[in-house]
Amino acid sequence: MPTDLASPAMVWRRHAMGIIAAVLLALGLAFWVWPPTGGGGEFLHGSLIKSGLVLGAAWLAFPQLDRMPGWLFVTVVGVLLVVAVKPRIFLALSRYLVFLAPLFFVIWLLRRFKFAKDKG
């Protein structure tokens, strides 16, 4: 994967991200002006707007995201999309995060700490 921001592949990815964000926002606006018939119109409108905003924010931050590992970028975008589409899932999982975050922090500290080996 090219990491130079001036490379054609990276420029193309940034442009594609911006175009997809604009299309999602335009579709969300269109569904707001002309709501579709059926029960999922409001959900579809909200999901398109929120997803377009998240992708637009990622498009704006793309040069800084180059320094982020690929797996972390995918995870952050995935979590933001889940929160945008179903915020109640995040509220339910945040209870576990309150208990797991300190545990992961302690594990991270212990991995960095070099234990003295007994030579006796």
N, C-alpha and C. Protein backbone atom coordinates (compact mmCIF):
# COMPACT_ATOMS: atom_id res chain seq x y z
N MET A 1 0.84 -1.18 0.00
CA MET A 1 0.00 0.00 0.00
C MET A 1 0.89 1.24 0.00
N PRO A 2 0.71 2.14 -0.95
CA PRO A 2 1.55 3.33 -0.99
C PRO A 2 1.25 4.24 0.20
N THR A 3 2.32 4.80 0.77
CA THR A 3 2.14 5.67 1.93
C THR A 3 2.41 7.13 1.61
N ASP A 4 2.91 7.42 0.43
CA ASP A 4 3.18 8.80 0.03
C ASP A 4 1.86 9.46 -0.34
N LEU A 5 1.55 10.59 0.32
CA LEU A 5 0.27 11.26 0.08
C LEU A 5 0.16 11.82 -1.34
N ALA A 6 1.29 12.05 -1.99
CA ALA A 6 1.25 12.60 -3.34
C ALA A 6 1.14 11.51 -4.41
N SER A 7 1.20 10.25 -4.01
CA SER A 7 1.11 9.18 -5.01
C SER A 7 -0.29 9.14 -5.60
N PRO A 8 -0.39 8.70 -6.84
CA PRO A 8 -1.71 8.68 -7.49
C PRO A 8 -2.74 7.82 -6.76
N ALA A 9 -2.29 6.72 -6.17
CA ALA A 9 -3.24 5.84 -5.47
C ALA A 9 -3.84 6.54 -4.25
N MET A 10 -3.01 7.26 -3.50
CA MET A 10 -3.50 7.94 -2.30
C MET A 10 -4.40 9.13 -2.68
N VAL A 11 -4.04 9.84 -3.73
CA VAL A 11 -4.88 10.95 -4.19
C VAL A 11 -6.23 10.42 -4.65
N TRP A 12 -6.22 9.30 -5.37
CA TRP A 12 -7.46 8.69 -5.84
C TRP A 12 -8.32 8.25 -4.67
N ARG A 13 -7.72 7.65 -3.64
CA ARG A 13 -8.48 7.20 -2.47
C ARG A 13 -9.14 8.37 -1.76
N ARG A 14 -8.41 9.47 -1.63
CA ARG A 14 -8.99 10.63 -0.96
C ARG A 14 -10.14 11.20 -1.78
N HIS A 15 -9.97 11.29 -3.09
CA HIS A 15 -11.05 11.79 -3.94
C HIS A 15 -12.26 10.87 -3.88
N ALA A 16 -12.03 9.56 -3.92
CA ALA A 16 -13.14 8.60 -3.85
C ALA A 16 -13.89 8.72 -2.53
N MET A 17 -13.15 8.91 -1.44
CA MET A 17 -13.79 9.06 -0.13
C MET A 17 -14.66 10.31 -0.10
N GLY A 18 -14.17 11.40 -0.67
CA GLY A 18 -14.95 12.63 -0.71
C GLY A 18 -16.19 12.52 -1.59
N ILE A 19 -16.04 11.85 -2.73
CA ILE A 19 -17.18 11.67 -3.64
C ILE A 19 -18.24 10.80 -3.00
N ILE A 20 -17.84 9.71 -2.34
CA ILE A 20 -18.81 8.83 -1.69
C ILE A 20 -19.51 9.56 -0.56
N ALA A 21 -18.77 10.37 0.20
CA ALA A 21 -19.39 11.16 1.28
C ALA A 21 -20.42 12.13 0.71
N ALA A 22 -20.08 12.79 -0.40
CA ALA A 22 -21.02 13.73 -1.01
C ALA A 22 -22.27 13.02 -1.54
N VAL A 23 -22.09 11.83 -2.12
CA VAL A 23 -23.24 11.06 -2.63
C VAL A 23 -24.14 10.63 -1.47
N LEU A 24 -23.55 10.16 -0.38
CA LEU A 24 -24.36 9.76 0.78
C LEU A 24 -25.13 10.94 1.35
N LEU A 25 -24.48 12.09 1.45
CA LEU A 25 -25.18 13.28 1.95
C LEU A 25 -26.28 13.72 1.00
N ALA A 26 -26.02 13.65 -0.31
CA ALA A 26 -27.04 14.04 -1.29
C ALA A 26 -28.24 13.08 -1.24
N LEU A 27 -27.98 11.79 -1.11
CA LEU A 27 -29.08 10.83 -1.00
C LEU A 27 -29.88 11.05 0.28
N GLY A 28 -29.17 11.32 1.38
CA GLY A 28 -29.86 11.59 2.64
C GLY A 28 -30.73 12.83 2.54
N LEU A 29 -30.23 13.86 1.87
CA LEU A 29 -31.01 15.08 1.68
C LEU A 29 -32.20 14.81 0.76
N ALA A 30 -31.99 14.01 -0.27
CA ALA A 30 -33.09 13.68 -1.18
C ALA A 30 -34.18 12.89 -0.46
N PHE A 31 -33.78 11.95 0.41
CA PHE A 31 -34.78 11.19 1.15
C PHE A 31 -35.46 12.03 2.22
N TRP A 32 -34.83 13.12 2.63
CA TRP A 32 -35.47 14.03 3.58
C TRP A 32 -36.53 14.89 2.86
N VAL A 33 -36.17 15.34 1.65
CA VAL A 33 -37.10 16.17 0.87
C VAL A 33 -38.24 15.32 0.32
N TRP A 34 -37.92 14.18 -0.26
CA TRP A 34 -38.92 13.27 -0.83
C TRP A 34 -38.85 11.94 -0.07
N PRO A 35 -39.53 11.84 1.05
CA PRO A 35 -39.42 10.61 1.84
C PRO A 35 -40.00 9.41 1.10
N PRO A 36 -39.29 8.27 1.17
CA PRO A 36 -39.80 7.08 0.50
C PRO A 36 -41.01 6.52 1.26
N THR A 37 -41.84 5.81 0.55
CA THR A 37 -42.98 5.19 1.21
C THR A 37 -42.51 3.94 1.92
N GLY A 38 -43.09 3.67 3.03
CA GLY A 38 -42.69 2.51 3.81
C GLY A 38 -42.21 2.92 5.18
N GLY A 39 -41.90 1.93 5.98
CA GLY A 39 -41.55 2.19 7.36
C GLY A 39 -40.11 2.59 7.60
N GLY A 40 -39.20 2.32 6.69
CA GLY A 40 -37.79 2.57 6.95
C GLY A 40 -37.26 3.86 6.39
N GLY A 41 -38.10 4.75 5.95
CA GLY A 41 -37.64 5.98 5.31
C GLY A 41 -36.86 6.88 6.24
N GLU A 42 -37.35 7.05 7.46
CA GLU A 42 -36.67 7.93 8.41
C GLU A 42 -35.32 7.32 8.83
N PHE A 43 -35.31 6.01 9.01
CA PHE A 43 -34.06 5.33 9.35
C PHE A 43 -33.05 5.47 8.22
N LEU A 44 -33.50 5.29 6.99
CA LEU A 44 -32.61 5.40 5.84
C LEU A 44 -32.06 6.81 5.71
N HIS A 45 -32.92 7.79 5.87
CA HIS A 45 -32.50 9.19 5.79
C HIS A 45 -31.44 9.49 6.85
N GLY A 46 -31.70 9.10 8.08
CA GLY A 46 -30.75 9.36 9.16
C GLY A 46 -29.43 8.63 8.97
N SER A 47 -29.51 7.39 8.53
CA SER A 47 -28.29 6.61 8.33
C SER A 47 -27.42 7.18 7.22
N LEU A 48 -28.04 7.61 6.15
CA LEU A 48 -27.27 8.19 5.04
C LEU A 48 -26.60 9.50 5.44
N ILE A 49 -27.32 10.34 6.15
CA ILE A 49 -26.75 11.62 6.59
C ILE A 49 -25.59 11.37 7.55
N LYS A 50 -25.80 10.51 8.54
CA LYS A 50 -24.75 10.26 9.53
C LYS A 50 -23.53 9.60 8.90
N SER A 51 -23.75 8.63 8.03
CA SER A 51 -22.63 7.97 7.37
C SER A 51 -21.87 8.93 6.47
N GLY A 52 -22.59 9.79 5.78
CA GLY A 52 -21.94 10.79 4.93
C GLY A 52 -21.11 11.78 5.74
N LEU A 53 -21.61 12.17 6.91
CA LEU A 53 -20.86 13.08 7.76
C LEU A 53 -19.59 12.43 8.31
N VAL A 54 -19.69 11.17 8.72
CA VAL A 54 -18.52 10.46 9.23
C VAL A 54 -17.48 10.28 8.13
N LEU A 55 -17.92 9.89 6.95
CA LEU A 55 -16.99 9.71 5.84
C LEU A 55 -16.41 11.05 5.40
N GLY A 56 -17.20 12.11 5.46
CA GLY A 56 -16.69 13.44 5.15
C GLY A 56 -15.63 13.90 6.14
N ALA A 57 -15.83 13.59 7.42
CA ALA A 57 -14.81 13.92 8.42
C ALA A 57 -13.54 13.13 8.18
N ALA A 58 -13.68 11.86 7.79
CA ALA A 58 -12.50 11.05 7.47
C ALA A 58 -11.80 11.59 6.22
N TRP A 59 -12.58 12.11 5.27
CA TRP A 59 -11.99 12.69 4.07
C TRP A 59 -11.16 13.93 4.43
N LEU A 60 -11.69 14.75 5.33
CA LEU A 60 -10.95 15.95 5.74
C LEU A 60 -9.68 15.59 6.50
N ALA A 61 -9.73 14.52 7.29
CA ALA A 61 -8.58 14.13 8.11
C ALA A 61 -7.68 13.14 7.40
N PHE A 62 -7.88 12.89 6.14
CA PHE A 62 -7.14 11.86 5.42
C PHE A 62 -5.62 12.02 5.49
N PRO A 63 -5.07 13.23 5.33
CA PRO A 63 -3.60 13.34 5.43
C PRO A 63 -3.06 12.91 6.80
N GLN A 64 -3.78 13.19 7.87
CA GLN A 64 -3.34 12.78 9.19
C GLN A 64 -3.57 11.28 9.41
N LEU A 65 -4.56 10.72 8.74
CA LEU A 65 -4.86 9.30 8.91
C LEU A 65 -3.79 8.42 8.27
N ASP A 66 -2.92 9.01 7.46
CA ASP A 66 -1.86 8.25 6.82
C ASP A 66 -0.90 7.69 7.86
N ARG A 67 -0.77 8.37 8.98
CA ARG A 67 0.13 7.92 10.03
C ARG A 67 -0.49 6.84 10.91
N MET A 68 -1.78 6.58 10.74
CA MET A 68 -2.48 5.60 11.57
C MET A 68 -2.37 4.21 10.93
N PRO A 69 -2.16 3.16 11.75
CA PRO A 69 -2.14 1.80 11.18
C PRO A 69 -3.46 1.47 10.50
N GLY A 70 -3.40 0.62 9.48
CA GLY A 70 -4.59 0.29 8.71
C GLY A 70 -5.69 -0.35 9.53
N TRP A 71 -5.33 -1.27 10.43
CA TRP A 71 -6.35 -1.95 11.23
C TRP A 71 -7.06 -0.98 12.16
N LEU A 72 -6.31 0.02 12.68
CA LEU A 72 -6.93 0.99 13.58
C LEU A 72 -7.88 1.90 12.82
N PHE A 73 -7.50 2.28 11.60
CA PHE A 73 -8.36 3.12 10.78
C PHE A 73 -9.68 2.41 10.48
N VAL A 74 -9.60 1.15 10.08
CA VAL A 74 -10.81 0.38 9.77
C VAL A 74 -11.68 0.22 11.01
N THR A 75 -11.06 -0.02 12.16
CA THR A 75 -11.81 -0.17 13.41
C THR A 75 -12.51 1.12 13.80
N VAL A 76 -11.81 2.24 13.71
CA VAL A 76 -12.40 3.53 14.09
C VAL A 76 -13.56 3.88 13.17
N VAL A 77 -13.37 3.72 11.88
CA VAL A 77 -14.45 4.03 10.93
C VAL A 77 -15.64 3.09 11.15
N GLY A 78 -15.36 1.81 11.39
CA GLY A 78 -16.44 0.86 11.66
C GLY A 78 -17.23 1.21 12.91
N VAL A 79 -16.52 1.56 13.98
CA VAL A 79 -17.21 1.93 15.23
C VAL A 79 -18.02 3.21 15.02
N LEU A 80 -17.45 4.18 14.32
CA LEU A 80 -18.20 5.42 14.08
C LEU A 80 -19.46 5.17 13.24
N LEU A 81 -19.37 4.28 12.26
CA LEU A 81 -20.55 3.96 11.46
C LEU A 81 -21.60 3.23 12.30
N VAL A 82 -21.16 2.32 13.17
CA VAL A 82 -22.12 1.62 14.04
C VAL A 82 -22.80 2.62 14.97
N VAL A 83 -22.03 3.54 15.52
CA VAL A 83 -22.61 4.55 16.41
C VAL A 83 -23.56 5.46 15.64
N ALA A 84 -23.20 5.77 14.39
CA ALA A 84 -24.07 6.63 13.59
C ALA A 84 -25.39 5.95 13.25
N VAL A 85 -25.33 4.65 12.97
CA VAL A 85 -26.53 3.94 12.56
C VAL A 85 -27.36 3.48 13.76
N LYS A 86 -26.69 2.90 14.75
CA LYS A 86 -27.39 2.37 15.93
C LYS A 86 -26.72 2.87 17.20
N PRO A 87 -27.06 4.06 17.67
CA PRO A 87 -26.39 4.60 18.86
C PRO A 87 -26.67 3.79 20.13
N ARG A 88 -27.76 3.07 20.17
CA ARG A 88 -28.08 2.29 21.37
C ARG A 88 -27.12 1.13 21.57
N ILE A 89 -26.57 0.61 20.47
CA ILE A 89 -25.57 -0.45 20.59
C ILE A 89 -24.35 0.08 21.32
N PHE A 90 -23.94 1.31 20.98
CA PHE A 90 -22.79 1.90 21.65
C PHE A 90 -23.08 2.11 23.13
N LEU A 91 -24.29 2.54 23.45
CA LEU A 91 -24.64 2.74 24.87
C LEU A 91 -24.60 1.42 25.62
N ALA A 92 -25.06 0.35 25.01
CA ALA A 92 -25.03 -0.96 25.66
C ALA A 92 -23.60 -1.45 25.84
N LEU A 93 -22.76 -1.26 24.82
CA LEU A 93 -21.39 -1.73 24.91
C LEU A 93 -20.50 -0.84 25.77
N SER A 94 -20.90 0.41 25.97
CA SER A 94 -20.09 1.32 26.79
C SER A 94 -20.03 0.85 28.23
N ARG A 95 -21.03 0.11 28.70
CA ARG A 95 -20.98 -0.44 30.06
C ARG A 95 -19.79 -1.39 30.20
N TYR A 96 -19.58 -2.21 29.20
CA TYR A 96 -18.45 -3.13 29.24
C TYR A 96 -17.13 -2.39 29.08
N LEU A 97 -17.14 -1.32 28.30
CA LEU A 97 -15.93 -0.55 28.09
C LEU A 97 -15.44 0.08 29.39
N VAL A 98 -16.36 0.48 30.25
CA VAL A 98 -15.98 1.08 31.53
C VAL A 98 -15.17 0.09 32.37
N PHE A 99 -15.52 -1.18 32.30
CA PHE A 99 -14.79 -2.18 33.07
C PHE A 99 -13.57 -2.72 32.35
N LEU A 100 -13.62 -2.80 31.03
CA LEU A 100 -12.52 -3.39 30.28
C LEU A 100 -11.38 -2.41 30.01
N ALA A 101 -11.68 -1.10 29.90
CA ALA A 101 -10.63 -0.12 29.60
C ALA A 101 -9.53 -0.11 30.67
N PRO A 102 -9.84 -0.08 31.97
CA PRO A 102 -8.75 -0.14 32.95
C PRO A 102 -7.96 -1.45 32.88
N LEU A 103 -8.64 -2.56 32.61
CA LEU A 103 -7.95 -3.84 32.49
C LEU A 103 -6.97 -3.83 31.32
N PHE A 104 -7.40 -3.32 30.16
CA PHE A 104 -6.51 -3.24 29.01
C PHE A 104 -5.36 -2.27 29.26
N PHE A 105 -5.62 -1.21 30.02
CA PHE A 105 -4.56 -0.26 30.35
C PHE A 105 -3.50 -0.92 31.22
N VAL A 106 -3.91 -1.70 32.21
CA VAL A 106 -2.96 -2.41 33.07
C VAL A 106 -2.17 -3.43 32.24
N ILE A 107 -2.83 -4.14 31.35
CA ILE A 107 -2.13 -5.10 30.50
C ILE A 107 -1.11 -4.38 29.62
N TRP A 108 -1.49 -3.24 29.10
CA TRP A 108 -0.57 -2.46 28.27
C TRP A 108 0.64 -2.00 29.08
N LEU A 109 0.40 -1.56 30.33
CA LEU A 109 1.52 -1.15 31.18
C LEU A 109 2.44 -2.32 31.50
N LEU A 110 1.86 -3.48 31.78
CA LEU A 110 2.68 -4.64 32.11
C LEU A 110 3.49 -5.13 30.92
N ARG A 111 2.98 -4.98 29.73
CA ARG A 111 3.74 -5.39 28.55
C ARG A 111 4.93 -4.48 28.33
N ARG A 112 4.81 -3.21 28.70
CA ARG A 112 5.90 -2.26 28.53
C ARG A 112 6.94 -2.38 29.65
N PHE A 113 6.52 -2.86 30.80
CA PHE A 113 7.40 -2.95 31.95
C PHE A 113 8.30 -4.17 31.82
N LYS A 114 9.59 -3.96 31.94
CA LYS A 114 10.55 -5.06 31.84
C LYS A 114 10.83 -5.59 33.25
N PHE A 115 10.44 -6.84 33.46
CA PHE A 115 10.68 -7.43 34.77
C PHE A 115 12.15 -7.85 34.88
N ALA A 116 12.69 -7.65 36.07
CA ALA A 116 14.08 -8.08 36.32
C ALA A 116 14.11 -9.59 36.45
N LYS A 117 14.98 -10.22 35.71
CA LYS A 117 15.08 -11.67 35.75
C LYS A 117 16.02 -12.09 36.88
N ASP A 118 15.61 -13.14 37.57
CA ASP A 118 16.46 -13.65 38.64
C ASP A 118 17.65 -14.38 38.03
N LYS A 119 18.84 -14.03 38.51
CA LYS A 119 20.03 -14.71 38.02
C LYS A 119 20.56 -15.67 39.07
N GLY A 120 19.82 -15.88 40.16
CA GLY A 120 20.29 -16.70 41.27
C GLY A 120 19.99 -18.10 41.09
